[in-house]
């Protein structure tokens, strides 16, 4: 999580939902299943979210 925070590290709370989703949708070696599937019995519905980061093209 610290790799994605800004330099002041005051935006980590905005990144928690995505970090939680990634953790819960990762197959664990002990169960060979995701925590999300073990909890709900289904796989999550993933929707496409375009990057909110401004893109800069530099020559």
PDB file of N, CA and C in Angstrom:
ATOM      1  N   UNK A   1       0.828  -1.193   0.000  1.00  0.00           N
ATOM      2  CA  UNK A   1       0.000   0.000   0.000  1.00  0.00           C
ATOM      3  C   UNK A   1       0.869   1.253   0.000  1.00  0.00           C
ATOM      4  N   UNK A   2       1.989   1.190   0.702  1.00  0.00           N
ATOM      5  CA  UNK A   2       2.849   2.376   0.764  1.00  0.00           C
ATOM      6  C   UNK A   2       3.450   2.739  -0.592  1.00  0.00           C
ATOM      7  N   UNK A   3       3.527   1.784  -1.508  1.00  0.00           N
ATOM      8  CA  UNK A   3       4.073   2.077  -2.834  1.00  0.00           C
ATOM      9  C   UNK A   3       3.165   2.982  -3.653  1.00  0.00           C
ATOM     10  N   UNK A   4       1.886   3.001  -3.341  1.00  0.00           N
ATOM     11  CA  UNK A   4       0.929   3.764  -4.128  1.00  0.00           C
ATOM     12  C   UNK A   4       0.516   5.081  -3.485  1.00  0.00           C
ATOM     13  N   UNK A   5       0.857   5.291  -2.237  1.00  0.00           N
ATOM     14  CA  UNK A   5       0.485   6.532  -1.545  1.00  0.00           C
ATOM     15  C   UNK A   5       1.294   7.700  -2.082  1.00  0.00           C
ATOM     16  N   UNK A   6       0.751   8.886  -1.898  1.00  0.00           N
ATOM     17  CA  UNK A   6       1.487  10.070  -2.326  1.00  0.00           C
ATOM     18  C   UNK A   6       2.636  10.350  -1.359  1.00  0.00           C
ATOM     19  N   UNK A   7       3.441  11.346  -1.650  1.00  0.00           N
ATOM     20  CA  UNK A   7       4.630  11.629  -0.837  1.00  0.00           C
ATOM     21  C   UNK A   7       4.283  12.005   0.597  1.00  0.00           C
ATOM     22  N   UNK A   8       3.156  12.672   0.790  1.00  0.00           N
ATOM     23  CA  UNK A   8       2.739  13.054   2.147  1.00  0.00           C
ATOM     24  C   UNK A   8       2.090  11.887   2.889  1.00  0.00           C
ATOM     25  N   UNK A   9       1.805  10.831   2.183  1.00  0.00           N
ATOM     26  CA  UNK A   9       1.170   9.624   2.724  1.00  0.00           C
ATOM     27  C   UNK A   9      -0.133   9.939   3.452  1.00  0.00           C
ATOM     28  N   UNK A  10      -0.906  10.845   2.877  1.00  0.00           N
ATOM     29  CA  UNK A  10      -2.183  11.187   3.497  1.00  0.00           C
ATOM     30  C   UNK A  10      -3.374  10.730   2.658  1.00  0.00           C
ATOM     31  N   UNK A  11      -3.123   9.890   1.667  1.00  0.00           N
ATOM     32  CA  UNK A  11      -4.223   9.407   0.833  1.00  0.00           C
ATOM     33  C   UNK A  11      -4.412   7.888   0.912  1.00  0.00           C
ATOM     34  N   UNK A  12      -3.771   7.237   1.886  1.00  0.00           N
ATOM     35  CA  UNK A  12      -3.843   5.787   1.983  1.00  0.00           C
ATOM     36  C   UNK A  12      -5.262   5.293   2.222  1.00  0.00           C
ATOM     37  N   UNK A  13      -6.069   6.086   2.919  1.00  0.00           N
ATOM     38  CA  UNK A  13      -7.433   5.646   3.199  1.00  0.00           C
ATOM     39  C   UNK A  13      -8.271   5.532   1.924  1.00  0.00           C
ATOM     40  N   UNK A  14      -7.915   6.282   0.899  1.00  0.00           N
ATOM     41  CA  UNK A  14      -8.625   6.192  -0.379  1.00  0.00           C
ATOM     42  C   UNK A  14      -8.264   4.910  -1.128  1.00  0.00           C
ATOM     43  N   UNK A  15      -7.116   4.330  -0.804  1.00  0.00           N
ATOM     44  CA  UNK A  15      -6.642   3.127  -1.489  1.00  0.00           C
ATOM     45  C   UNK A  15      -7.080   1.835  -0.806  1.00  0.00           C
ATOM     46  N   UNK A  16      -7.581   1.933   0.421  1.00  0.00           N
ATOM     47  CA  UNK A  16      -7.942   0.732   1.171  1.00  0.00           C
ATOM     48  C   UNK A  16      -9.001  -0.137   0.490  1.00  0.00           C
ATOM     49  N   UNK A  17     -10.072   0.418  -0.081  1.00  0.00           N
ATOM     50  CA  UNK A  17     -11.055  -0.463  -0.726  1.00  0.00           C
ATOM     51  C   UNK A  17     -10.459  -1.310  -1.851  1.00  0.00           C
ATOM     52  N   UNK A  18      -9.595  -0.730  -2.666  1.00  0.00           N
ATOM     53  CA  UNK A  18      -8.962  -1.500  -3.744  1.00  0.00           C
ATOM     54  C   UNK A  18      -7.992  -2.536  -3.186  1.00  0.00           C
ATOM     55  N   UNK A  19      -7.252  -2.184  -2.138  1.00  0.00           N
ATOM     56  CA  UNK A  19      -6.324  -3.129  -1.522  1.00  0.00           C
ATOM     57  C   UNK A  19      -7.089  -4.292  -0.893  1.00  0.00           C
ATOM     58  N   UNK A  20      -8.191  -3.993  -0.230  1.00  0.00           N
ATOM     59  CA  UNK A  20      -9.016  -5.037   0.376  1.00  0.00           C
ATOM     60  C   UNK A  20      -9.586  -5.966  -0.693  1.00  0.00           C
ATOM     61  N   UNK A  21     -10.059  -5.390  -1.787  1.00  0.00           N
ATOM     62  CA  UNK A  21     -10.603  -6.201  -2.875  1.00  0.00           C
ATOM     63  C   UNK A  21      -9.531  -7.125  -3.439  1.00  0.00           C
ATOM     64  N   UNK A  22      -8.341  -6.598  -3.671  1.00  0.00           N
ATOM     65  CA  UNK A  22      -7.257  -7.423  -4.216  1.00  0.00           C
ATOM     66  C   UNK A  22      -6.894  -8.557  -3.271  1.00  0.00           C
ATOM     67  N   UNK A  23      -6.817  -8.257  -1.978  1.00  0.00           N
ATOM     68  CA  UNK A  23      -6.496  -9.294  -0.995  1.00  0.00           C
ATOM     69  C   UNK A  23      -7.576 -10.378  -0.983  1.00  0.00           C
ATOM     70  N   UNK A  24      -8.824  -9.961  -0.953  1.00  0.00           N
ATOM     71  CA  UNK A  24      -9.928 -10.918  -0.875  1.00  0.00           C
ATOM     72  C   UNK A  24     -10.172 -11.672  -2.173  1.00  0.00           C
ATOM     73  N   UNK A  25      -9.570 -11.232  -3.264  1.00  0.00           N
ATOM     74  CA  UNK A  25      -9.745 -11.901  -4.551  1.00  0.00           C
ATOM     75  C   UNK A  25      -8.471 -12.628  -4.986  1.00  0.00           C
ATOM     76  N   UNK A  26      -7.564 -12.854  -4.060  1.00  0.00           N
ATOM     77  CA  UNK A  26      -6.306 -13.540  -4.338  1.00  0.00           C
ATOM     78  C   UNK A  26      -6.399 -14.976  -3.824  1.00  0.00           C
ATOM     79  N   UNK A  27      -6.042 -15.943  -4.664  1.00  0.00           N
ATOM     80  CA  UNK A  27      -6.082 -17.351  -4.264  1.00  0.00           C
ATOM     81  C   UNK A  27      -5.014 -17.603  -3.209  1.00  0.00           C
ATOM     82  N   UNK A  28      -5.426 -18.180  -2.089  1.00  0.00           N
ATOM     83  CA  UNK A  28      -4.499 -18.490  -1.008  1.00  0.00           C
ATOM     84  C   UNK A  28      -4.001 -19.926  -1.143  1.00  0.00           C
ATOM     85  N   UNK A  29      -2.745 -20.123  -0.818  1.00  0.00           N
ATOM     86  CA  UNK A  29      -2.116 -21.429  -1.029  1.00  0.00           C
ATOM     87  C   UNK A  29      -2.724 -22.521  -0.151  1.00  0.00           C
ATOM     88  N   UNK A  30      -3.171 -22.185   1.048  1.00  0.00           N
ATOM     89  CA  UNK A  30      -3.696 -23.218   1.944  1.00  0.00           C
ATOM     90  C   UNK A  30      -5.073 -23.721   1.533  1.00  0.00           C
ATOM     91  N   UNK A  31      -5.907 -22.863   0.973  1.00  0.00           N
ATOM     92  CA  UNK A  31      -7.274 -23.258   0.607  1.00  0.00           C
ATOM     93  C   UNK A  31      -7.454 -23.460  -0.891  1.00  0.00           C
ATOM     94  N   UNK A  32      -6.537 -22.916  -1.689  1.00  0.00           N
ATOM     95  CA  UNK A  32      -6.649 -22.916  -3.149  1.00  0.00           C
ATOM     96  C   UNK A  32      -7.914 -22.191  -3.614  1.00  0.00           C
ATOM     97  N   UNK A  33      -8.412 -21.300  -2.771  1.00  0.00           N
ATOM     98  CA  UNK A  33      -9.591 -20.493  -3.084  1.00  0.00           C
ATOM     99  C   UNK A  33      -9.365 -19.073  -2.573  1.00  0.00           C
ATOM    100  N   UNK A  34     -10.207 -18.174  -3.025  1.00  0.00           N
ATOM    101  CA  UNK A  34     -10.117 -16.797  -2.549  1.00  0.00           C
ATOM    102  C   UNK A  34     -10.963 -16.629  -1.293  1.00  0.00           C
ATOM    103  N   UNK A  35     -10.577 -15.718  -0.384  1.00  0.00           N
ATOM    104  CA  UNK A  35     -11.421 -15.437   0.772  1.00  0.00           C
ATOM    105  C   UNK A  35     -12.828 -14.986   0.366  1.00  0.00           C
ATOM    106  N   UNK A  36     -12.930 -14.238  -0.723  1.00  0.00           N
ATOM    107  CA  UNK A  36     -14.238 -13.784  -1.189  1.00  0.00           C
ATOM    108  C   UNK A  36     -15.135 -14.976  -1.506  1.00  0.00           C
ATOM    109  N   UNK A  37     -14.600 -15.956  -2.233  1.00  0.00           N
ATOM    110  CA  UNK A  37     -15.382 -17.135  -2.595  1.00  0.00           C
ATOM    111  C   UNK A  37     -15.739 -17.957  -1.361  1.00  0.00           C
ATOM    112  N   UNK A  38     -14.798 -18.104  -0.436  1.00  0.00           N
ATOM    113  CA  UNK A  38     -15.072 -18.869   0.779  1.00  0.00           C
ATOM    114  C   UNK A  38     -16.151 -18.206   1.626  1.00  0.00           C
ATOM    115  N   UNK A  39     -16.208 -16.892   1.611  1.00  0.00           N
ATOM    116  CA  UNK A  39     -17.190 -16.159   2.411  1.00  0.00           C
ATOM    117  C   UNK A  39     -18.564 -16.124   1.755  1.00  0.00           C
ATOM    118  N   UNK A  40     -18.603 -15.947   0.432  1.00  0.00           N
ATOM    119  CA  UNK A  40     -19.885 -15.727  -0.248  1.00  0.00           C
ATOM    120  C   UNK A  40     -20.344 -16.902  -1.104  1.00  0.00           C
ATOM    121  N   UNK A  41     -19.420 -17.794  -1.467  1.00  0.00           N
ATOM    122  CA  UNK A  41     -19.777 -18.910  -2.331  1.00  0.00           C
ATOM    123  C   UNK A  41     -19.855 -18.534  -3.797  1.00  0.00           C
ATOM    124  N   UNK A  42     -19.361 -17.370  -4.135  1.00  0.00           N
ATOM    125  CA  UNK A  42     -19.357 -16.929  -5.536  1.00  0.00           C
ATOM    126  C   UNK A  42     -18.123 -16.069  -5.779  1.00  0.00           C
ATOM    127  N   UNK A  43     -17.833 -15.857  -7.040  1.00  0.00           N
ATOM    128  CA  UNK A  43     -16.723 -14.992  -7.412  1.00  0.00           C
ATOM    129  C   UNK A  43     -17.236 -13.560  -7.539  1.00  0.00           C
ATOM    130  N   UNK A  44     -16.400 -12.569  -7.271  1.00  0.00           N
ATOM    131  CA  UNK A  44     -16.864 -11.180  -7.324  1.00  0.00           C
ATOM    132  C   UNK A  44     -17.160 -10.718  -8.747  1.00  0.00           C
ATOM    133  N   UNK A  45     -18.074  -9.801  -8.852  1.00  0.00           N
ATOM    134  CA  UNK A  45     -18.379  -9.163 -10.126  1.00  0.00           C
ATOM    135  C   UNK A  45     -17.389  -8.018 -10.287  1.00  0.00           C
ATOM    136  N   UNK A  46     -16.491  -8.160 -11.237  1.00  0.00           N
ATOM    137  CA  UNK A  46     -15.469  -7.134 -11.420  1.00  0.00           C
ATOM    138  C   UNK A  46     -15.850  -6.256 -12.596  1.00  0.00           C
ATOM    139  N   UNK A  47     -15.846  -4.961 -12.355  1.00  0.00           N
ATOM    140  CA  UNK A  47     -16.144  -4.017 -13.415  1.00  0.00           C
ATOM    141  C   UNK A  47     -14.884  -3.239 -13.758  1.00  0.00           C
ATOM    142  N   UNK A  48     -14.807  -2.773 -14.958  1.00  0.00           N
ATOM    143  CA  UNK A  48     -13.656  -2.011 -15.418  1.00  0.00           C
ATOM    144  C   UNK A  48     -13.702  -0.607 -14.845  1.00  0.00           C
ATOM    145  N   UNK A  49     -12.592  -0.189 -14.225  1.00  0.00           N
ATOM    146  CA  UNK A  49     -12.479   1.164 -13.711  1.00  0.00           C
ATOM    147  C   UNK A  49     -11.297   1.835 -14.401  1.00  0.00           C
ATOM    148  N   UNK A  50     -11.538   2.828 -15.238  1.00  0.00           N
ATOM    149  CA  UNK A  50     -10.412   3.502 -15.881  1.00  0.00           C
ATOM    150  C   UNK A  50      -9.538   4.203 -14.849  1.00  0.00           C
ATOM    151  N   UNK A  51      -8.279   4.289 -15.159  1.00  0.00           N
ATOM    152  CA  UNK A  51      -7.329   4.934 -14.257  1.00  0.00           C
ATOM    153  C   UNK A  51      -7.673   6.405 -14.098  1.00  0.00           C
ATOM    154  N   UNK A  52      -7.700   6.868 -12.854  1.00  0.00           N
ATOM    155  CA  UNK A  52      -7.997   8.268 -12.573  1.00  0.00           C
ATOM    156  C   UNK A  52      -6.735   9.125 -12.626  1.00  0.00           C
ATOM    157  N   UNK A  53      -5.600   8.481 -12.859  1.00  0.00           N
ATOM    158  CA  UNK A  53      -4.332   9.206 -12.889  1.00  0.00           C
ATOM    159  C   UNK A  53      -4.210   9.987 -14.193  1.00  0.00           C
ATOM    160  N   UNK A  54      -3.799  11.228 -14.111  1.00  0.00           N
ATOM    161  CA  UNK A  54      -3.590  11.981 -15.353  1.00  0.00           C
ATOM    162  C   UNK A  54      -2.398  11.407 -16.111  1.00  0.00           C
ATOM    163  N   UNK A  55      -2.555  11.271 -17.399  1.00  0.00           N
ATOM    164  CA  UNK A  55      -1.451  10.740 -18.191  1.00  0.00           C
ATOM    165  C   UNK A  55      -0.673  11.893 -18.811  1.00  0.00           C
ATOM    166  N   UNK A  56       0.622  11.792 -18.703  1.00  0.00           N
ATOM    167  CA  UNK A  56       1.505  12.800 -19.280  1.00  0.00           C
ATOM    168  C   UNK A  56       2.432  12.107 -20.258  1.00  0.00           C
ATOM    169  N   UNK A  57       2.473  12.612 -21.448  1.00  0.00           N
ATOM    170  CA  UNK A  57       3.380  12.070 -22.457  1.00  0.00           C
ATOM    171  C   UNK A  57       4.535  13.042 -22.595  1.00  0.00           C
ATOM    172  N   UNK A  58       5.716  12.525 -22.324  1.00  0.00           N
ATOM    173  CA  UNK A  58       6.899  13.373 -22.447  1.00  0.00           C
ATOM    174  C   UNK A  58       7.800  12.812 -23.525  1.00  0.00           C
ATOM    175  N   UNK A  59       8.328  13.671 -24.361  1.00  0.00           N
ATOM    176  CA  UNK A  59       9.204  13.184 -25.433  1.00  0.00           C
ATOM    177  C   UNK A  59      10.541  12.703 -24.899  1.00  0.00           C
TER     178      UNK A  59
END
